[in-house]
Amino acid sequence: MEIKVMGSGCANCKALYETMREAAKGLGIMSEIIYDTDIQHVIEMNILRLPAVVIDDRVISQGRKYSVAEAQELIKSQLPRL
């Protein structure tokens, strides 16, 4: 699972990045959480509001911050069903 936080480098974007890292760690997900501030990548993914969460190359959320518990639910909703 690849998790990216797309942002501009602002405080809200950095906070979401830290929240997503903590949420993934709490779930035992060992994948690296990437913080991407490249505006060209944002444009290529048609992201209109920052910060955004991208999981496995799919935009999952735009323009919203989450608590750790909410972020964990967001991540769990994207895990493959066994």
C-alpha atoms as a PDB file:
ATOM      1  CA  MET A   1       0.000   0.000   0.000  1.00  0.00           C
ATOM      2  CA  GLU A   2       1.406   3.379  -0.998  1.00  0.00           C
ATOM      3  CA  ILE A   3       0.078   6.360   0.930  1.00  0.00           C
ATOM      4  CA  LYS A   4       0.810   9.926  -0.184  1.00  0.00           C
ATOM      5  CA  VAL A   5      -0.168  13.225   1.297  1.00  0.00           C
ATOM      6  CA  MET A   6      -0.211  15.887  -1.399  1.00  0.00           C
ATOM      7  CA  GLY A   7       0.264  19.384  -0.100  1.00  0.00           C
ATOM      8  CA  SER A   8       1.708  22.818  -0.558  1.00  0.00           C
ATOM      9  CA  GLY A   9       3.961  22.746   2.478  1.00  0.00           C
ATOM     10  CA  CYS A  10       1.547  24.701   4.655  1.00  0.00           C
ATOM     11  CA  ALA A  11       0.843  23.879   8.309  1.00  0.00           C
ATOM     12  CA  ASN A  12      -2.406  22.013   7.501  1.00  0.00           C
ATOM     13  CA  CYS A  13      -0.682  19.834   4.912  1.00  0.00           C
ATOM     14  CA  LYS A  14       2.213  19.035   7.240  1.00  0.00           C
ATOM     15  CA  ALA A  15      -0.221  18.231  10.052  1.00  0.00           C
ATOM     16  CA  LEU A  16      -2.137  15.791   7.822  1.00  0.00           C
ATOM     17  CA  TYR A  17       1.125  14.126   6.830  1.00  0.00           C
ATOM     18  CA  GLU A  18       2.018  13.564  10.487  1.00  0.00           C
ATOM     19  CA  THR A  19      -1.497  12.320  11.233  1.00  0.00           C
ATOM     20  CA  MET A  20      -1.368   9.816   8.364  1.00  0.00           C
ATOM     21  CA  ARG A  21       2.056   8.581   9.536  1.00  0.00           C
ATOM     22  CA  GLU A  22       0.748   8.059  13.052  1.00  0.00           C
ATOM     23  CA  ALA A  23      -2.418   6.361  11.786  1.00  0.00           C
ATOM     24  CA  ALA A  24      -0.501   3.937   9.555  1.00  0.00           C
ATOM     25  CA  LYS A  25       1.918   3.128  12.364  1.00  0.00           C
ATOM     26  CA  GLY A  26      -0.997   2.489  14.725  1.00  0.00           C
ATOM     27  CA  LEU A  27      -2.465   0.036  12.214  1.00  0.00           C
ATOM     28  CA  GLY A  28       0.859  -1.747  11.816  1.00  0.00           C
ATOM     29  CA  ILE A  29       1.223  -0.666   8.191  1.00  0.00           C
ATOM     30  CA  MET A  30       4.903  -0.493   7.437  1.00  0.00           C
ATOM     31  CA  SER A  31       4.726   1.265   4.094  1.00  0.00           C
ATOM     32  CA  GLU A  32       6.407   4.642   3.779  1.00  0.00           C
ATOM     33  CA  ILE A  33       4.115   7.639   3.911  1.00  0.00           C
ATOM     34  CA  ILE A  34       5.154  10.082   1.206  1.00  0.00           C
ATOM     35  CA  TYR A  35       4.711  13.838   1.479  1.00  0.00           C
ATOM     36  CA  ASP A  36       4.591  15.288  -2.039  1.00  0.00           C
ATOM     37  CA  THR A  37       4.657  19.062  -2.490  1.00  0.00           C
ATOM     38  CA  ASP A  38       5.267  19.052  -6.253  1.00  0.00           C
ATOM     39  CA  ILE A  39       2.483  21.171  -7.761  1.00  0.00           C
ATOM     40  CA  GLN A  40       2.913  19.388 -11.110  1.00  0.00           C
ATOM     41  CA  HIS A  41       1.948  16.080  -9.446  1.00  0.00           C
ATOM     42  CA  VAL A  42      -1.095  17.785  -7.898  1.00  0.00           C
ATOM     43  CA  ILE A  43      -2.168  19.036 -11.335  1.00  0.00           C
ATOM     44  CA  GLU A  44      -1.561  15.648 -12.987  1.00  0.00           C
ATOM     45  CA  MET A  45      -3.832  13.959 -10.435  1.00  0.00           C
ATOM     46  CA  ASN A  46      -6.584  16.582 -10.922  1.00  0.00           C
ATOM     47  CA  ILE A  47      -6.503  17.529  -7.251  1.00  0.00           C
ATOM     48  CA  LEU A  48      -8.460  20.717  -6.668  1.00  0.00           C
ATOM     49  CA  ARG A  49      -8.084  21.185  -2.900  1.00  0.00           C
ATOM     50  CA  LEU A  50      -5.158  20.570  -0.601  1.00  0.00           C
ATOM     51  CA  PRO A  51      -4.209  18.703   1.443  1.00  0.00           C
ATOM     52  CA  ALA A  52      -5.112  15.510  -0.365  1.00  0.00           C
ATOM     53  CA  VAL A  53      -4.639  11.845   0.487  1.00  0.00           C
ATOM     54  CA  VAL A  54      -3.699   9.452  -2.307  1.00  0.00           C
ATOM     55  CA  ILE A  55      -3.654   5.710  -1.653  1.00  0.00           C
ATOM     56  CA  ASP A  56      -2.351   3.385  -4.349  1.00  0.00           C
ATOM     57  CA  ASP A  57      -2.595   6.177  -6.960  1.00  0.00           C
ATOM     58  CA  ARG A  58      -6.260   6.939  -6.156  1.00  0.00           C
ATOM     59  CA  VAL A  59      -7.278  10.284  -4.702  1.00  0.00           C
ATOM     60  CA  ILE A  60      -9.165   9.375  -1.521  1.00  0.00           C
ATOM     61  CA  SER A  61      -9.624  12.764   0.109  1.00  0.00           C
ATOM     62  CA  GLN A  62      -9.211  16.445  -0.748  1.00  0.00           C
ATOM     63  CA  GLY A  63      -9.216  19.570   1.365  1.00  0.00           C
ATOM     64  CA  ARG A  64      -9.737  17.916   4.731  1.00  0.00           C
ATOM     65  CA  LYS A  65      -7.742  17.200   7.867  1.00  0.00           C
ATOM     66  CA  TYR A  66      -8.402  14.096   9.975  1.00  0.00           C
ATOM     67  CA  SER A  67      -7.911  12.921  13.517  1.00  0.00           C
ATOM     68  CA  VAL A  68      -5.717   9.835  13.881  1.00  0.00           C
ATOM     69  CA  ALA A  69      -8.815   7.645  14.386  1.00  0.00           C
ATOM     70  CA  GLU A  70     -10.478   9.078  11.258  1.00  0.00           C
ATOM     71  CA  ALA A  71      -7.265   8.593   9.275  1.00  0.00           C
ATOM     72  CA  GLN A  72      -7.100   4.965  10.390  1.00  0.00           C
ATOM     73  CA  GLU A  73     -10.660   4.417   9.182  1.00  0.00           C
ATOM     74  CA  LEU A  74      -9.754   6.036   5.860  1.00  0.00           C
ATOM     75  CA  ILE A  75      -6.759   3.719   5.467  1.00  0.00           C
ATOM     76  CA  LYS A  76      -8.734   0.626   6.519  1.00  0.00           C
ATOM     77  CA  SER A  77     -11.408   1.444   3.940  1.00  0.00           C
ATOM     78  CA  GLN A  78      -8.742   1.044   1.250  1.00  0.00           C
ATOM     79  CA  LEU A  79      -7.255  -2.249   2.443  1.00  0.00           C
ATOM     80  CA  PRO A  80      -7.913  -5.228   0.176  1.00  0.00           C
ATOM     81  CA  ARG A  81     -10.729  -7.454   1.341  1.00  0.00           C
ATOM     82  CA  LEU A  82      -9.574 -10.974   2.220  1.00  0.00           C
END
